[in-house]
Amino acid sequence: MQTKRLDKLYNEYLIVNSLKTSGKLSIPSIAASTGLSRPTVDTIVSQLEREGMVETDGFAQSVTGRKPVLWRLRSDSGYFVGVDFEPPVVRLLILNMCRETVFSRSIQFPQSFHADEVLKLLVSAIRQAMEEAGAPLAKLRSISVGNPGSIDKQRGLSVAMHNCPNWNNVPICERLAQEFDCETEIENVILYMANVERERLAGQNVRDFVYVALRTGVGAGVCLKGELYSGASGNAGHFGFLSVGSPLCRSEHRLEEYADTAMLLRRMREEGLLSGGEGEQDGERQICILAERAQEGNPAAMDILEELSDFWAYGLSCAINLLDIPLYVVGGLLARMNVYAPEVGSLFLDMVRKRCVQNYLYEKKYSFELCYAQDVPNAAALGGALRGYETFFKRYAPSAEGNHLAVSG
């Protein structure tokens, strides 16, 4: 009985994965791509249709005889929410079962609220987003939350966020699971951004890379052999926590103190590049002003870029020396700078590359490439929704126990 159940699950996995990959297929095409017999495919597809997972979508071309019916996954059979959770700005994105974006928006939260009030606002925002998308809550399959601070992934806790006072071990996954009765996950928000890049690079047969990003803080996500690496507790990639200076002379600081948006804001004010409250809460506005001034040849803007490039080169060199991975993808606000002012973006990467080689890669033996991430709106929330989508389909994947089973039917 157990073997038959595993056989059935494995065959379902083959069919669902085939439709997920190809979009629309006929019964004969599904049978050919999976190695299953047509009667087996017919039986399972009929069952999936009864469950509301698949539907017909026209007919395939045929030289002779009747045209075979095409099948596809139903777009409204499930929804996946990605949350870029960085109060006071929270970004939501919803994908349907066909990976189409049906909702994407940034929402401003009050920064001074207590954690419990912030969670209430998040629950309300997700409900409203699902309603606006025309997506029934009963079909919400997963919520994936990207967190910019420390997390406990196994327990679903947001441990700390430096821009939220009184934020300590917040059970964000438990609360969302109670409210929505769906799968929930919390992850390093930069890893979700890396997830979007992973899909693009997979098409170029790139399976190993490090994604680094400037947002409010500085973070990284590591992809090894095509899989994102979270670490034992979910805290791999805290790039901004690298030590700068010598503990022996009591001058140790964290990298993000010199390379994040707070540093940019301070330095741009010192150099008179910002006035009043300009750019106070908007990192993208800061980086665009800096790029604009640098493009004009402003000496102060160029000095800030030089300083920023040196600290980023230090951080990247630590990763290069440790991992010896050949590709480093720069995302977040720095990638936005490259979109806004490509000449300045290219100059910045050249600065970083030269400093890596001249100042920090002492053996000069490493071959590495730096590039900017693709410009994707709401990338972190999209990466989270994609992670939920991938996790949902793993329920059809063969378990470790059933991996030995041959295709039957």
Protein backbone atom coordinates (compact mmCIF):
# COMPACT_ATOMS: atom_id res chain seq x y z
CA MET A 1 0.00 0.00 0.00
CA GLN A 2 2.80 2.43 0.91
CA THR A 3 4.63 1.67 -2.34
CA LYS A 4 1.47 2.33 -4.38
CA ARG A 5 0.91 5.65 -2.57
CA LEU A 6 4.48 6.75 -3.25
CA ASP A 7 4.13 5.63 -6.86
CA LYS A 8 1.01 7.78 -7.24
CA LEU A 9 2.65 10.84 -5.63
CA TYR A 10 5.70 10.43 -7.82
CA ASN A 11 3.60 10.20 -10.96
CA GLU A 12 1.64 13.30 -9.90
CA TYR A 13 4.95 15.08 -9.41
CA LEU A 14 6.08 14.17 -12.93
CA ILE A 15 2.86 15.46 -14.49
CA VAL A 16 2.53 18.66 -12.46
CA ASN A 17 6.20 19.50 -12.94
CA SER A 18 5.86 18.90 -16.68
CA LEU A 19 2.91 21.32 -16.90
CA LYS A 20 4.70 23.82 -14.67
CA THR A 21 7.74 23.75 -16.96
CA SER A 22 6.05 23.64 -20.37
CA GLY A 23 2.85 25.62 -19.80
CA LYS A 24 0.43 23.70 -22.03
CA LEU A 25 0.65 20.05 -23.03
CA SER A 26 -1.57 17.35 -24.46
CA ILE A 27 -1.98 13.94 -22.83
CA PRO A 28 0.34 12.31 -25.42
CA SER A 29 2.95 15.05 -24.86
CA ILE A 30 2.77 14.62 -21.08
CA ALA A 31 3.17 10.87 -21.50
CA ALA A 32 6.18 11.38 -23.78
CA SER A 33 7.88 13.88 -21.44
CA THR A 34 7.28 11.85 -18.26
CA GLY A 35 7.64 8.29 -19.52
CA LEU A 36 4.22 7.41 -18.10
CA SER A 37 1.59 5.50 -20.05
CA ARG A 38 -1.30 7.44 -21.55
CA PRO A 39 -3.94 5.71 -19.35
CA THR A 40 -1.95 6.67 -16.23
CA VAL A 41 -1.60 10.28 -17.40
CA ASP A 42 -5.28 10.42 -18.30
CA THR A 43 -6.32 9.15 -14.85
CA ILE A 44 -4.08 11.57 -12.93
CA VAL A 45 -4.95 14.60 -15.10
CA SER A 46 -8.65 13.87 -14.56
CA GLN A 47 -8.05 13.71 -10.83
CA LEU A 48 -6.12 17.02 -10.91
CA GLU A 49 -9.00 18.56 -12.87
CA ARG A 50 -11.47 17.49 -10.16
CA GLU A 51 -9.18 19.06 -7.56
CA GLY A 52 -9.20 22.33 -9.50
CA MET A 53 -5.49 22.22 -10.31
CA VAL A 54 -5.64 21.90 -14.12
CA GLU A 55 -7.93 22.91 -16.96
CA THR A 56 -8.19 22.50 -20.72
CA ASP A 57 -6.87 25.25 -23.00
CA GLY A 58 -7.59 24.62 -26.67
CA PHE A 59 -6.17 21.97 -28.93
CA ALA A 60 -2.73 20.97 -30.15
CA GLN A 61 -1.86 20.89 -33.84
CA SER A 62 -2.35 17.51 -35.49
CA VAL A 63 -1.56 16.35 -39.02
CA THR A 64 -4.02 13.46 -38.92
CA GLY A 65 -7.04 12.55 -36.83
CA ARG A 66 -8.54 14.47 -33.92
CA LYS A 67 -6.59 17.32 -32.40
CA PRO A 68 -5.49 16.43 -28.85
CA VAL A 69 -6.75 18.61 -25.99
CA LEU A 70 -4.17 20.86 -24.33
CA TRP A 71 -3.96 20.99 -20.53
CA ARG A 72 -2.46 23.63 -18.27
CA LEU A 73 -2.32 24.56 -14.60
CA ARG A 74 -5.25 26.75 -13.55
CA SER A 75 -4.04 30.27 -12.80
CA ASP A 76 -6.65 30.70 -10.04
CA SER A 77 -5.90 27.42 -8.28
CA GLY A 78 -3.45 29.03 -5.90
CA TYR A 79 -1.79 32.28 -4.84
CA PHE A 80 1.60 33.01 -3.33
CA VAL A 81 2.38 36.14 -1.32
CA GLY A 82 5.88 37.59 -1.07
CA VAL A 83 6.59 40.21 1.60
CA ASP A 84 9.57 42.55 1.62
CA PHE A 85 9.30 43.40 5.30
CA GLU A 86 11.35 46.49 6.10
CA PRO A 87 9.17 48.85 8.14
CA PRO A 88 8.28 51.63 7.67
CA VAL A 89 8.10 50.44 4.04
CA VAL A 90 6.52 47.03 3.42
CA ARG A 91 6.25 45.70 -0.14
CA LEU A 92 3.74 43.02 -1.14
CA LEU A 93 3.55 40.95 -4.31
CA ILE A 94 1.13 38.14 -5.23
CA LEU A 95 1.71 35.48 -7.89
CA ASN A 96 -0.96 33.16 -9.21
CA MET A 97 -0.45 29.50 -10.10
CA CYS A 98 0.84 30.45 -13.55
CA ARG A 99 3.46 32.73 -11.98
CA GLU A 100 1.69 35.86 -13.16
CA THR A 101 1.88 38.92 -10.90
CA VAL A 102 -1.64 39.88 -9.86
CA PHE A 103 -0.72 42.43 -7.18
CA SER A 104 2.38 44.52 -6.38
CA ARG A 105 2.54 47.52 -4.10
CA SER A 106 4.60 49.36 -1.47
CA ILE A 107 2.83 50.27 1.75
CA GLN A 108 3.98 52.81 4.33
CA PHE A 109 3.76 51.60 7.94
CA PRO A 110 4.20 53.78 11.03
CA GLN A 111 7.77 53.11 12.24
CA SER A 112 7.10 53.80 15.90
CA PHE A 113 4.40 51.16 16.41
CA HIS A 114 4.89 48.17 18.72
CA ALA A 115 5.62 44.82 17.06
CA ASP A 116 2.11 43.49 17.70
CA GLU A 117 0.57 46.52 16.01
CA VAL A 118 2.91 46.14 13.04
CA LEU A 119 1.82 42.50 12.65
CA LYS A 120 -1.84 43.57 12.74
CA LEU A 121 -1.11 46.05 9.97
CA LEU A 122 0.69 43.35 7.95
CA VAL A 123 -2.23 40.93 8.30
CA SER A 124 -4.64 43.66 7.23
CA ALA A 125 -2.44 44.61 4.26
CA ILE A 126 -2.28 40.99 3.03
CA ARG A 127 -6.06 40.59 3.33
CA GLN A 128 -6.63 43.80 1.38
CA ALA A 129 -4.08 42.80 -1.28
CA MET A 130 -5.76 39.41 -1.79
CA GLU A 131 -9.14 41.11 -2.07
CA GLU A 132 -7.87 43.64 -4.63
CA ALA A 133 -6.28 40.83 -6.63
CA GLY A 134 -9.59 38.95 -6.69
CA ALA A 135 -7.87 36.03 -4.96
CA PRO A 136 -9.92 34.02 -2.43
CA LEU A 137 -8.15 33.57 0.90
CA ALA A 138 -9.04 29.87 0.71
CA LYS A 139 -6.63 29.58 -2.21
CA LEU A 140 -3.73 31.36 -0.51
CA ARG A 141 -1.00 28.71 -0.58
CA SER A 142 1.93 30.45 1.10
CA ILE A 143 3.32 33.67 2.57
CA SER A 144 7.07 34.22 2.38
CA VAL A 145 8.51 37.05 4.46
CA GLY A 146 11.87 38.62 3.64
CA ASN A 147 13.43 40.03 6.81
CA PRO A 148 16.38 42.48 6.75
CA GLY A 149 17.64 41.63 10.24
CA SER A 150 18.44 38.50 12.23
CA ILE A 151 16.00 35.60 12.08
CA ASP A 152 15.41 32.15 13.53
CA LYS A 153 14.21 30.34 10.45
CA GLN A 154 13.33 27.06 12.15
CA ARG A 155 11.06 28.77 14.70
CA GLY A 156 9.76 31.38 12.25
CA LEU A 157 10.99 34.32 14.30
CA SER A 158 12.08 37.77 13.27
CA VAL A 159 14.75 38.12 15.95
CA ALA A 160 15.77 41.74 15.44
CA MET A 161 15.56 44.66 13.02
CA HIS A 162 17.78 47.64 13.71
CA ASN A 163 15.27 50.15 12.31
CA CYS A 164 12.42 48.88 14.55
CA PRO A 165 12.58 49.66 18.27
CA ASN A 166 11.37 47.05 20.77
CA TRP A 167 11.58 44.34 18.12
CA ASN A 168 12.67 41.06 19.71
CA ASN A 169 11.89 37.45 18.71
CA VAL A 170 8.64 38.35 16.95
CA PRO A 171 6.73 35.13 15.96
CA ILE A 172 5.81 36.42 12.53
CA CYS A 173 5.32 33.01 10.85
CA GLU A 174 3.13 31.67 13.66
CA ARG A 175 0.94 34.76 13.56
CA LEU A 176 0.49 34.65 9.78
CA ALA A 177 -0.20 30.89 9.80
CA GLN A 178 -2.91 31.42 12.42
CA GLU A 179 -4.53 34.21 10.43
CA PHE A 180 -4.36 32.64 6.96
CA ASP A 181 -4.04 28.86 7.46
CA CYS A 182 -1.29 28.49 4.85
CA GLU A 183 2.41 27.71 4.66
CA THR A 184 4.66 30.48 5.97
CA GLU A 185 8.38 31.14 5.79
CA ILE A 186 10.82 33.80 6.95
CA GLU A 187 14.12 34.33 5.18
CA ASN A 188 16.99 36.77 4.74
CA VAL A 189 15.46 39.38 2.43
CA ILE A 190 18.59 39.55 0.26
CA LEU A 191 18.28 35.81 -0.39
CA TYR A 192 14.86 36.46 -1.91
CA MET A 193 16.43 39.07 -4.20
CA ALA A 194 19.09 36.50 -5.09
CA ASN A 195 16.29 34.04 -5.90
CA VAL A 196 15.10 36.29 -8.74
CA GLU A 197 18.65 36.52 -10.08
CA ARG A 198 19.08 32.75 -9.75
CA GLU A 199 16.28 32.19 -12.24
CA ARG A 200 17.89 34.51 -14.78
CA LEU A 201 21.37 33.05 -14.35
CA ALA A 202 20.08 29.47 -14.54
CA GLY A 203 19.25 30.19 -18.17
CA GLN A 204 22.94 31.00 -18.68
CA ASN A 205 24.00 27.80 -16.91
CA VAL A 206 25.38 29.77 -13.95
CA ARG A 207 24.83 27.88 -10.72
CA ASP A 208 27.30 29.52 -8.30
CA PHE A 209 27.22 33.22 -7.43
CA VAL A 210 27.09 35.68 -4.55
CA TYR A 211 24.44 38.41 -4.60
CA VAL A 212 25.27 41.56 -2.61
CA ALA A 213 22.91 44.48 -2.17
CA LEU A 214 22.71 47.95 -0.70
CA ARG A 215 19.33 48.70 0.83
CA THR A 216 18.80 50.41 4.20
CA GLY A 217 21.67 48.15 5.28
CA VAL A 218 24.07 45.88 3.44
CA GLY A 219 23.46 42.17 2.85
CA ALA A 220 24.30 39.16 0.71
CA GLY A 221 22.82 35.91 -0.56
CA VAL A 222 24.85 32.88 -1.62
CA CYS A 223 23.83 30.43 -4.35
CA LEU A 224 25.75 27.15 -4.56
CA LYS A 225 25.07 24.50 -7.22
CA GLY A 226 21.83 26.22 -8.10
CA GLU A 227 20.51 26.25 -4.52
CA LEU A 228 20.26 29.24 -2.21
CA TYR A 229 22.19 28.81 1.03
CA SER A 230 20.42 29.99 4.20
CA GLY A 231 22.80 28.74 6.86
CA ALA A 232 21.95 26.75 9.98
CA SER A 233 19.64 29.39 11.47
CA GLY A 234 18.81 31.35 8.31
CA ASN A 235 21.40 34.05 8.94
CA ALA A 236 23.95 33.36 6.21
CA GLY A 237 24.81 36.45 4.19
CA HIS A 238 25.06 39.13 6.88
CA PHE A 239 27.60 40.89 4.71
CA GLY A 240 27.22 44.19 6.54
CA PHE A 241 28.38 42.62 9.83
CA LEU A 242 31.93 42.11 8.55
CA SER A 243 34.43 43.76 10.87
CA VAL A 244 36.31 46.80 9.63
CA GLY A 245 39.37 47.82 11.67
CA SER A 246 41.37 46.03 14.33
CA PRO A 247 39.84 44.71 17.55
CA LEU A 248 43.34 44.93 19.11
CA CYS A 249 43.29 48.71 18.91
CA ARG A 250 39.63 48.91 19.91
CA SER A 251 38.61 50.46 16.62
CA GLU A 252 36.43 47.66 15.28
CA HIS A 253 33.27 48.62 13.37
CA ARG A 254 30.84 46.91 11.06
CA LEU A 255 31.07 47.30 7.29
CA GLU A 256 27.52 48.63 7.00
CA GLU A 257 28.46 51.60 9.20
CA TYR A 258 30.59 52.80 6.28
CA ALA A 259 28.68 51.44 3.29
CA ASP A 260 24.92 51.77 3.93
CA THR A 261 22.33 54.46 3.21
CA ALA A 262 22.80 56.12 6.62
CA MET A 263 26.47 56.70 5.74
CA LEU A 264 25.48 58.04 2.32
CA LEU A 265 22.97 60.42 3.90
CA ARG A 266 25.55 61.70 6.39
CA ARG A 267 28.32 62.15 3.82
CA MET A 268 26.05 63.81 1.26
CA ARG A 269 24.89 66.29 3.90
CA GLU A 270 28.46 66.97 4.96
CA GLU A 271 29.37 67.74 1.35
CA GLY A 272 26.29 69.88 0.75
CA LEU A 273 24.75 67.49 -1.78
CA LEU A 274 21.46 67.33 0.16
CA SER A 275 19.44 70.12 1.68
CA GLY A 276 16.92 70.04 4.52
CA GLY A 277 15.09 66.72 4.79
CA GLU A 278 15.82 65.73 1.18
CA GLY A 279 16.37 61.99 0.85
CA GLU A 280 15.79 61.42 4.58
CA GLN A 281 13.67 58.29 4.22
CA ASP A 282 14.35 57.49 0.56
CA GLY A 283 17.54 55.59 -0.19
CA GLU A 284 16.74 55.50 -3.90
CA ARG A 285 16.45 59.28 -3.98
CA GLN A 286 19.84 59.56 -2.23
CA ILE A 287 21.61 57.28 -4.68
CA CYS A 288 20.03 59.02 -7.69
CA ILE A 289 21.16 62.45 -6.47
CA LEU A 290 24.66 61.09 -5.86
CA ALA A 291 24.77 59.56 -9.37
CA GLU A 292 23.47 62.78 -10.92
CA ARG A 293 26.13 64.88 -9.18
CA ALA A 294 28.87 62.39 -10.07
CA GLN A 295 27.75 62.44 -13.69
CA GLU A 296 28.13 66.22 -13.61
CA GLY A 297 31.70 65.76 -12.37
CA ASN A 298 31.03 67.10 -8.86
CA PRO A 299 34.26 66.47 -6.86
CA ALA A 300 32.41 65.81 -3.58
CA ALA A 301 30.15 63.22 -5.21
CA MET A 302 33.17 61.52 -6.77
CA ASP A 303 34.90 61.43 -3.37
CA ILE A 304 31.86 59.73 -1.80
CA LEU A 305 31.76 57.17 -4.61
CA GLU A 306 35.48 56.49 -4.08
CA GLU A 307 34.95 55.96 -0.33
CA LEU A 308 31.93 53.73 -0.92
CA SER A 309 33.79 51.66 -3.52
CA ASP A 310 36.69 51.05 -1.12
CA PHE A 311 34.46 49.62 1.61
CA TRP A 312 32.50 47.52 -0.88
CA ALA A 313 35.77 46.24 -2.32
CA TYR A 314 36.87 45.23 1.17
CA GLY A 315 33.64 43.31 1.80
CA LEU A 316 33.64 41.62 -1.60
CA SER A 317 37.29 40.64 -1.20
CA CYS A 318 36.45 38.89 2.06
CA ALA A 319 33.80 36.87 0.20
CA ILE A 320 36.16 36.16 -2.72
CA ASN A 321 38.96 35.02 -0.41
CA LEU A 322 36.58 32.81 1.57
CA LEU A 323 34.45 31.29 -1.18
CA ASP A 324 36.41 31.55 -4.45
CA ILE A 325 33.12 31.85 -6.34
CA PRO A 326 33.61 33.40 -9.78
CA LEU A 327 30.53 35.68 -10.01
CA TYR A 328 29.41 38.53 -7.71
CA VAL A 329 26.12 40.23 -8.56
CA VAL A 330 25.51 43.73 -7.20
CA GLY A 331 21.87 44.60 -6.55
CA GLY A 332 19.60 46.87 -4.57
CA LEU A 333 20.19 50.62 -4.69
CA LEU A 334 23.53 50.27 -6.47
CA ALA A 335 21.82 48.46 -9.33
CA ARG A 336 19.24 51.26 -9.40
CA MET A 337 22.12 53.77 -9.66
CA ASN A 338 23.34 51.87 -12.72
CA VAL A 339 19.88 52.13 -14.32
CA TYR A 340 19.64 55.84 -13.51
CA ALA A 341 23.19 56.70 -14.63
CA PRO A 342 24.88 53.80 -16.48
CA GLU A 343 28.19 55.65 -16.88
CA VAL A 344 28.41 56.23 -13.13
CA GLY A 345 27.34 52.64 -12.44
CA SER A 346 30.06 51.30 -14.72
CA LEU A 347 32.63 53.61 -13.12
CA PHE A 348 31.67 52.42 -9.63
CA LEU A 349 32.09 48.73 -10.54
CA ASP A 350 35.48 49.54 -12.10
CA MET A 351 36.53 51.25 -8.87
CA VAL A 352 35.44 48.26 -6.79
CA ARG A 353 37.14 45.77 -9.13
CA LYS A 354 40.47 47.64 -9.11
CA ARG A 355 40.47 48.04 -5.34
CA CYS A 356 39.71 44.36 -4.85
CA VAL A 357 42.75 43.41 -6.90
CA GLN A 358 45.12 46.13 -5.70
CA ASN A 359 44.34 46.27 -1.99
CA TYR A 360 42.72 43.11 -0.74
CA LEU A 361 43.29 40.06 -2.94
CA TYR A 362 46.84 39.56 -1.80
CA GLU A 363 47.62 36.43 -3.80
CA LYS A 364 46.18 37.95 -7.01
CA LYS A 365 45.20 34.42 -8.02
CA TYR A 366 41.44 34.80 -8.14
CA SER A 367 39.43 35.15 -11.32
CA PHE A 368 36.13 36.85 -10.58
CA GLU A 369 33.44 38.82 -12.36
CA LEU A 370 31.33 41.70 -11.07
CA CYS A 371 28.01 42.64 -12.67
CA TYR A 372 24.80 44.40 -11.77
CA ALA A 373 21.56 42.56 -11.08
CA GLN A 374 18.66 42.88 -13.51
CA ASP A 375 16.29 45.74 -12.76
CA VAL A 376 13.18 44.01 -11.42
CA PRO A 377 10.46 46.00 -9.63
CA ASN A 378 9.76 44.77 -6.11
CA ALA A 379 12.48 42.11 -6.47
CA ALA A 380 12.57 40.93 -2.85
CA ALA A 381 8.80 40.37 -2.64
CA LEU A 382 8.87 38.66 -6.04
CA GLY A 383 11.70 36.38 -4.89
CA GLY A 384 9.69 35.49 -1.79
CA ALA A 385 6.56 34.68 -3.80
CA LEU A 386 8.67 32.54 -6.15
CA ARG A 387 10.12 30.69 -3.15
CA GLY A 388 6.60 29.93 -1.92
CA TYR A 389 5.67 28.74 -5.40
CA GLU A 390 8.69 26.42 -5.54
CA THR A 391 7.98 25.07 -2.05
CA PHE A 392 4.35 24.37 -2.94
CA PHE A 393 5.38 22.20 -5.87
CA LYS A 394 7.76 20.26 -3.68
CA ARG A 395 4.72 18.65 -2.10
CA TYR A 396 4.41 16.72 -5.37
CA ALA A 397 8.11 15.88 -5.41
CA PRO A 398 9.15 12.34 -4.53
CA SER A 399 10.16 11.99 -0.90
CA ALA A 400 13.57 10.65 0.05
CA GLU A 401 11.80 7.40 0.85
CA GLY A 402 10.33 7.22 -2.65
CA ASN A 403 13.32 8.38 -4.67
CA HIS A 404 14.21 4.80 -5.57
CA LEU A 405 10.88 4.11 -7.22
CA ALA A 406 10.80 3.52 -10.93
CA VAL A 407 8.13 5.20 -13.01
CA SER A 408 5.12 2.95 -13.08
CA GLY A 409 2.09 2.86 -15.30
